[in-house]
C-alpha cells in the first residue's frame, strides 16, 4: 500500500493506492479517515497516485477530468454496487439516496431497497470526490451525509457549477 499527500483548495487530502489502483482519498480529519488503510504503508508516488493527483489538479480548476485513474475500492458486494452507481452521476448533477436505492433494487431484481442502507454505503465510500458521493442529496434537498463535511460538499458542488437552488444545509442531527 502506498500513500501521498495532496494539497487541495479545500484542504489536505491523503491518497492511497495498491498495485491495482486507488484505494482511498480522504480529506484530512474527515469522518472514517483512512479506516481501511493498513498500518503498514509506504509514502511514495506510484503511477495510480500520480494519475489521481493529475485528476484532482484538473478537477480543482473547475473542469471535468476526461480520464479516470485506476480505482480499486475495497468493500462488500453491496457497497461496490452502490459505489458503481455513484460513478454514473454526471459531473455537476445530483441524485438522491432514494433514487440510488430504486436503481439498485432494479439491478438486484428486488421490489425495494432501503435508502438508509444505500446512504450507509455512500457514507463509507473510501475514494471521495473521484467516486462522487458529494453528488448525493436527501430527497427533500438536504445536503446531508458527506464524511468530509457539509462545507466541503457545498464547495465541491459549487465547483461543478451545480444548480444549488432547492438545496439546504440540514440542522444538526437530522437524518436523510
C-alpha atoms as a PDB file:
ATOM      1  CA  UNK A   1       0.000   0.000   0.000  1.00  0.00           C
ATOM      2  CA  UNK A   2       1.306   3.425  -0.982  1.00  0.00           C
ATOM      3  CA  UNK A   3       0.246   6.902   0.122  1.00  0.00           C
ATOM      4  CA  UNK A   4       0.860  10.503  -0.800  1.00  0.00           C
ATOM      5  CA  UNK A   5      -0.449  13.854   0.384  1.00  0.00           C
ATOM      6  CA  UNK A   6      -2.234  16.309  -1.892  1.00  0.00           C
ATOM      7  CA  UNK A   7      -2.830  19.982  -1.077  1.00  0.00           C
ATOM      8  CA  UNK A   8      -6.250  20.932  -2.438  1.00  0.00           C
ATOM      9  CA  UNK A   9      -8.002  24.319  -2.321  1.00  0.00           C
ATOM     10  CA  UNK A  10     -10.329  22.716   0.274  1.00  0.00           C
ATOM     11  CA  UNK A  11      -7.562  21.367   2.495  1.00  0.00           C
ATOM     12  CA  UNK A  12      -5.161  18.467   2.711  1.00  0.00           C
ATOM     13  CA  UNK A  13      -6.032  15.134   1.138  1.00  0.00           C
ATOM     14  CA  UNK A  14      -4.482  11.736   1.761  1.00  0.00           C
ATOM     15  CA  UNK A  15      -4.372   9.435  -1.266  1.00  0.00           C
ATOM     16  CA  UNK A  16      -3.766   5.691  -1.007  1.00  0.00           C
ATOM     17  CA  UNK A  17      -3.244   3.032  -3.658  1.00  0.00           C
ATOM     18  CA  UNK A  18      -2.175  -0.557  -4.023  1.00  0.00           C
ATOM     19  CA  UNK A  19      -0.695  -2.215  -7.109  1.00  0.00           C
ATOM     20  CA  UNK A  20      -4.177  -2.341  -8.729  1.00  0.00           C
ATOM     21  CA  UNK A  21      -5.323   1.246  -8.267  1.00  0.00           C
ATOM     22  CA  UNK A  22      -6.530   3.989  -5.954  1.00  0.00           C
ATOM     23  CA  UNK A  23      -7.974   2.613  -2.703  1.00  0.00           C
ATOM     24  CA  UNK A  24      -8.540   5.814  -0.746  1.00  0.00           C
ATOM     25  CA  UNK A  25      -8.961   9.569  -0.962  1.00  0.00           C
ATOM     26  CA  UNK A  26      -9.747  11.345   2.308  1.00  0.00           C
ATOM     27  CA  UNK A  27      -9.807  14.955   3.412  1.00  0.00           C
ATOM     28  CA  UNK A  28      -7.555  15.386   6.442  1.00  0.00           C
ATOM     29  CA  UNK A  29      -9.592  14.733   9.581  1.00  0.00           C
ATOM     30  CA  UNK A  30     -12.771  13.597   7.848  1.00  0.00           C
ATOM     31  CA  UNK A  31     -15.151  11.042   9.322  1.00  0.00           C
ATOM     32  CA  UNK A  32     -13.874   7.475   8.729  1.00  0.00           C
ATOM     33  CA  UNK A  33     -10.452   8.967   7.828  1.00  0.00           C
ATOM     34  CA  UNK A  34      -8.282   6.197   6.358  1.00  0.00           C
ATOM     35  CA  UNK A  35     -10.389   3.490   8.042  1.00  0.00           C
ATOM     36  CA  UNK A  36      -9.280   0.847   5.561  1.00  0.00           C
ATOM     37  CA  UNK A  37      -5.658   1.970   5.289  1.00  0.00           C
ATOM     38  CA  UNK A  38      -3.306  -0.687   6.676  1.00  0.00           C
ATOM     39  CA  UNK A  39      -0.867   0.485   9.331  1.00  0.00           C
ATOM     40  CA  UNK A  40       1.939  -0.721   7.075  1.00  0.00           C
ATOM     41  CA  UNK A  41       2.168   1.577   4.051  1.00  0.00           C
ATOM     42  CA  UNK A  42       4.871   3.396   2.121  1.00  0.00           C
ATOM     43  CA  UNK A  43       4.724   7.094   1.288  1.00  0.00           C
ATOM     44  CA  UNK A  44       5.654   7.137  -2.377  1.00  0.00           C
ATOM     45  CA  UNK A  45       4.074   8.354  -5.595  1.00  0.00           C
ATOM     46  CA  UNK A  46       3.060   5.470  -7.840  1.00  0.00           C
ATOM     47  CA  UNK A  47       1.508   5.608 -11.309  1.00  0.00           C
ATOM     48  CA  UNK A  48      -2.007   5.320  -9.828  1.00  0.00           C
ATOM     49  CA  UNK A  49      -1.309   8.073  -7.295  1.00  0.00           C
ATOM     50  CA  UNK A  50       0.230  10.321  -9.966  1.00  0.00           C
ATOM     51  CA  UNK A  51      -2.875   9.877 -12.138  1.00  0.00           C
ATOM     52  CA  UNK A  52      -5.130  10.627  -9.147  1.00  0.00           C
ATOM     53  CA  UNK A  53      -3.102  13.786  -8.450  1.00  0.00           C
ATOM     54  CA  UNK A  54      -3.411  14.834 -12.094  1.00  0.00           C
ATOM     55  CA  UNK A  55      -7.187  14.112 -11.983  1.00  0.00           C
ATOM     56  CA  UNK A  56      -7.506  16.315  -8.882  1.00  0.00           C
ATOM     57  CA  UNK A  57      -5.422  19.068 -10.498  1.00  0.00           C
ATOM     58  CA  UNK A  58      -7.876  19.187 -13.420  1.00  0.00           C
ATOM     59  CA  UNK A  59     -10.943  18.859 -11.173  1.00  0.00           C
ATOM     60  CA  UNK A  60      -9.946  21.714  -8.876  1.00  0.00           C
ATOM     61  CA  UNK A  61      -9.635  24.065 -11.869  1.00  0.00           C
ATOM     62  CA  UNK A  62     -13.418  23.661 -12.240  1.00  0.00           C
ATOM     63  CA  UNK A  63     -13.210  21.347 -15.233  1.00  0.00           C
ATOM     64  CA  UNK A  64     -14.475  17.801 -15.586  1.00  0.00           C
ATOM     65  CA  UNK A  65     -11.489  15.448 -15.978  1.00  0.00           C
ATOM     66  CA  UNK A  66     -11.649  13.473 -19.227  1.00  0.00           C
ATOM     67  CA  UNK A  67      -9.854  10.448 -17.773  1.00  0.00           C
ATOM     68  CA  UNK A  68     -10.143   8.236 -14.713  1.00  0.00           C
ATOM     69  CA  UNK A  69      -7.252   6.978 -12.598  1.00  0.00           C
ATOM     70  CA  UNK A  70      -7.349   3.235 -11.937  1.00  0.00           C
ATOM     71  CA  UNK A  71      -9.659   2.601  -8.986  1.00  0.00           C
ATOM     72  CA  UNK A  72      -9.617  -0.283  -6.516  1.00  0.00           C
ATOM     73  CA  UNK A  73     -12.320   0.432  -3.929  1.00  0.00           C
ATOM     74  CA  UNK A  74     -12.403  -2.205  -1.219  1.00  0.00           C
ATOM     75  CA  UNK A  75     -15.741  -3.169   0.284  1.00  0.00           C
ATOM     76  CA  UNK A  76     -18.615  -5.624   0.327  1.00  0.00           C
ATOM     77  CA  UNK A  77     -20.516  -6.526  -2.830  1.00  0.00           C
ATOM     78  CA  UNK A  78     -23.353  -4.238  -1.743  1.00  0.00           C
ATOM     79  CA  UNK A  79     -21.042  -1.277  -1.208  1.00  0.00           C
ATOM     80  CA  UNK A  80     -19.307  -1.953  -4.526  1.00  0.00           C
ATOM     81  CA  UNK A  81     -22.686  -1.883  -6.302  1.00  0.00           C
ATOM     82  CA  UNK A  82     -23.573   1.459  -4.683  1.00  0.00           C
ATOM     83  CA  UNK A  83     -20.164   2.960  -5.489  1.00  0.00           C
ATOM     84  CA  UNK A  84     -20.532   1.855  -9.108  1.00  0.00           C
ATOM     85  CA  UNK A  85     -23.821   3.794  -9.261  1.00  0.00           C
ATOM     86  CA  UNK A  86     -22.063   6.880  -7.871  1.00  0.00           C
ATOM     87  CA  UNK A  87     -19.672   6.809 -10.825  1.00  0.00           C
ATOM     88  CA  UNK A  88     -22.691   7.167 -13.146  1.00  0.00           C
ATOM     89  CA  UNK A  89     -23.812  10.505 -11.634  1.00  0.00           C
ATOM     90  CA  UNK A  90     -22.845  13.148 -14.210  1.00  0.00           C
ATOM     91  CA  UNK A  91     -20.494  15.983 -13.308  1.00  0.00           C
ATOM     92  CA  UNK A  92     -22.443  18.958 -11.973  1.00  0.00           C
ATOM     93  CA  UNK A  93     -25.593  16.936 -11.302  1.00  0.00           C
ATOM     94  CA  UNK A  94     -27.033  15.277  -8.235  1.00  0.00           C
ATOM     95  CA  UNK A  95     -29.210  12.336  -7.311  1.00  0.00           C
ATOM     96  CA  UNK A  96     -30.908  11.239  -4.106  1.00  0.00           C
ATOM     97  CA  UNK A  97     -30.356   8.296  -1.814  1.00  0.00           C
ATOM     98  CA  UNK A  98     -33.861   7.143  -2.749  1.00  0.00           C
ATOM     99  CA  UNK A  99     -33.114   7.271  -6.481  1.00  0.00           C
ATOM    100  CA  UNK A 100     -29.943   5.243  -5.923  1.00  0.00           C
ATOM    101  CA  UNK A 101     -31.918   2.735  -3.830  1.00  0.00           C
ATOM    102  CA  UNK A 102     -34.508   2.335  -6.605  1.00  0.00           C
ATOM    103  CA  UNK A 103     -31.777   1.813  -9.239  1.00  0.00           C
ATOM    104  CA  UNK A 104     -30.035  -0.745  -7.065  1.00  0.00           C
ATOM    105  CA  UNK A 105     -33.303  -2.580  -6.373  1.00  0.00           C
ATOM    106  CA  UNK A 106     -33.902  -2.906 -10.126  1.00  0.00           C
ATOM    107  CA  UNK A 107     -30.334  -4.129 -10.697  1.00  0.00           C
ATOM    108  CA  UNK A 108     -30.711  -6.723  -7.947  1.00  0.00           C
ATOM    109  CA  UNK A 109     -34.197  -7.808  -9.045  1.00  0.00           C
ATOM    110  CA  UNK A 110     -35.792  -6.674  -5.790  1.00  0.00           C
ATOM    111  CA  UNK A 111     -39.016  -4.800  -5.151  1.00  0.00           C
ATOM    112  CA  UNK A 112     -37.426  -2.434  -2.651  1.00  0.00           C
ATOM    113  CA  UNK A 113     -34.057  -1.294  -1.354  1.00  0.00           C
ATOM    114  CA  UNK A 114     -33.501   0.772   1.775  1.00  0.00           C
ATOM    115  CA  UNK A 115     -32.354   4.344   1.124  1.00  0.00           C
ATOM    116  CA  UNK A 116     -30.725   4.238   4.578  1.00  0.00           C
ATOM    117  CA  UNK A 117     -28.675   1.166   3.606  1.00  0.00           C
ATOM    118  CA  UNK A 118     -27.612   2.921   0.429  1.00  0.00           C
ATOM    119  CA  UNK A 119     -26.766   6.011   2.499  1.00  0.00           C
ATOM    120  CA  UNK A 120     -24.524   3.895   4.719  1.00  0.00           C
ATOM    121  CA  UNK A 121     -22.626   2.602   1.679  1.00  0.00           C
ATOM    122  CA  UNK A 122     -22.358   6.111   0.216  1.00  0.00           C
ATOM    123  CA  UNK A 123     -21.035   7.392   3.539  1.00  0.00           C
ATOM    124  CA  UNK A 124     -18.341   4.715   3.643  1.00  0.00           C
ATOM    125  CA  UNK A 125     -17.016   5.486   0.164  1.00  0.00           C
ATOM    126  CA  UNK A 126     -13.246   5.460   0.657  1.00  0.00           C
ATOM    127  CA  UNK A 127     -12.480   7.285  -2.614  1.00  0.00           C
ATOM    128  CA  UNK A 128     -14.376  10.536  -2.198  1.00  0.00           C
ATOM    129  CA  UNK A 129     -14.524  13.170  -4.941  1.00  0.00           C
ATOM    130  CA  UNK A 130     -13.414  10.750  -7.692  1.00  0.00           C
ATOM    131  CA  UNK A 131     -16.239   8.366  -6.732  1.00  0.00           C
ATOM    132  CA  UNK A 132     -18.590  11.327  -6.347  1.00  0.00           C
ATOM    133  CA  UNK A 133     -20.540  10.722  -3.144  1.00  0.00           C
ATOM    134  CA  UNK A 134     -20.827  14.517  -2.760  1.00  0.00           C
ATOM    135  CA  UNK A 135     -23.398  14.435  -5.598  1.00  0.00           C
ATOM    136  CA  UNK A 136     -25.936  12.564  -3.445  1.00  0.00           C
ATOM    137  CA  UNK A 137     -28.522  14.621  -1.564  1.00  0.00           C
ATOM    138  CA  UNK A 138     -31.581  13.934   0.529  1.00  0.00           C
ATOM    139  CA  UNK A 139     -34.952  13.699  -1.236  1.00  0.00           C
ATOM    140  CA  UNK A 140     -36.005  16.991   0.360  1.00  0.00           C
ATOM    141  CA  UNK A 141     -32.919  18.777  -0.992  1.00  0.00           C
ATOM    142  CA  UNK A 142     -30.956  18.349   2.218  1.00  0.00           C
ATOM    143  CA  UNK A 143     -27.184  18.486   1.663  1.00  0.00           C
ATOM    144  CA  UNK A 144     -26.676  15.791   4.251  1.00  0.00           C
ATOM    145  CA  UNK A 145     -24.271  12.928   4.588  1.00  0.00           C
ATOM    146  CA  UNK A 146     -20.766  13.899   3.490  1.00  0.00           C
ATOM    147  CA  UNK A 147     -17.925  12.435   5.543  1.00  0.00           C
ATOM    148  CA  UNK A 148     -15.636  15.308   4.528  1.00  0.00           C
ATOM    149  CA  UNK A 149     -18.112  17.809   5.979  1.00  0.00           C
ATOM    150  CA  UNK A 150     -21.107  19.671   4.599  1.00  0.00           C
ATOM    151  CA  UNK A 151     -18.969  22.771   3.909  1.00  0.00           C
ATOM    152  CA  UNK A 152     -16.749  20.761   1.556  1.00  0.00           C
ATOM    153  CA  UNK A 153     -19.763  19.114  -0.091  1.00  0.00           C
ATOM    154  CA  UNK A 154     -21.188  22.563  -0.859  1.00  0.00           C
ATOM    155  CA  UNK A 155     -17.847  23.784  -2.256  1.00  0.00           C
ATOM    156  CA  UNK A 156     -17.463  20.680  -4.454  1.00  0.00           C
ATOM    157  CA  UNK A 157     -20.970  21.101  -5.870  1.00  0.00           C
ATOM    158  CA  UNK A 158     -20.337  24.810  -6.454  1.00  0.00           C
ATOM    159  CA  UNK A 159     -17.031  23.987  -8.175  1.00  0.00           C
ATOM    160  CA  UNK A 160     -19.002  21.751 -10.563  1.00  0.00           C
ATOM    161  CA  UNK A 161     -21.464  24.626 -11.107  1.00  0.00           C
ATOM    162  CA  UNK A 162     -24.329  22.503  -9.793  1.00  0.00           C
ATOM    163  CA  UNK A 163     -27.682  24.281  -9.607  1.00  0.00           C
ATOM    164  CA  UNK A 164     -27.929  24.742  -5.833  1.00  0.00           C
ATOM    165  CA  UNK A 165     -31.469  26.170  -5.801  1.00  0.00           C
ATOM    166  CA  UNK A 166     -33.669  23.986  -3.642  1.00  0.00           C
ATOM    167  CA  UNK A 167     -30.806  22.604  -1.549  1.00  0.00           C
ATOM    168  CA  UNK A 168     -30.295  23.413   2.108  1.00  0.00           C
ATOM    169  CA  UNK A 169     -27.894  22.577   4.912  1.00  0.00           C
ATOM    170  CA  UNK A 170     -29.710  20.433   7.487  1.00  0.00           C
ATOM    171  CA  UNK A 171     -29.940  21.243  11.154  1.00  0.00           C
ATOM    172  CA  UNK A 172     -27.589  19.204  13.344  1.00  0.00           C
ATOM    173  CA  UNK A 173     -28.755  15.647  13.987  1.00  0.00           C
ATOM    174  CA  UNK A 174     -31.247  15.336  11.141  1.00  0.00           C
ATOM    175  CA  UNK A 175     -31.407  12.167   9.080  1.00  0.00           C
ATOM    176  CA  UNK A 176     -31.517  11.598   5.332  1.00  0.00           C
END
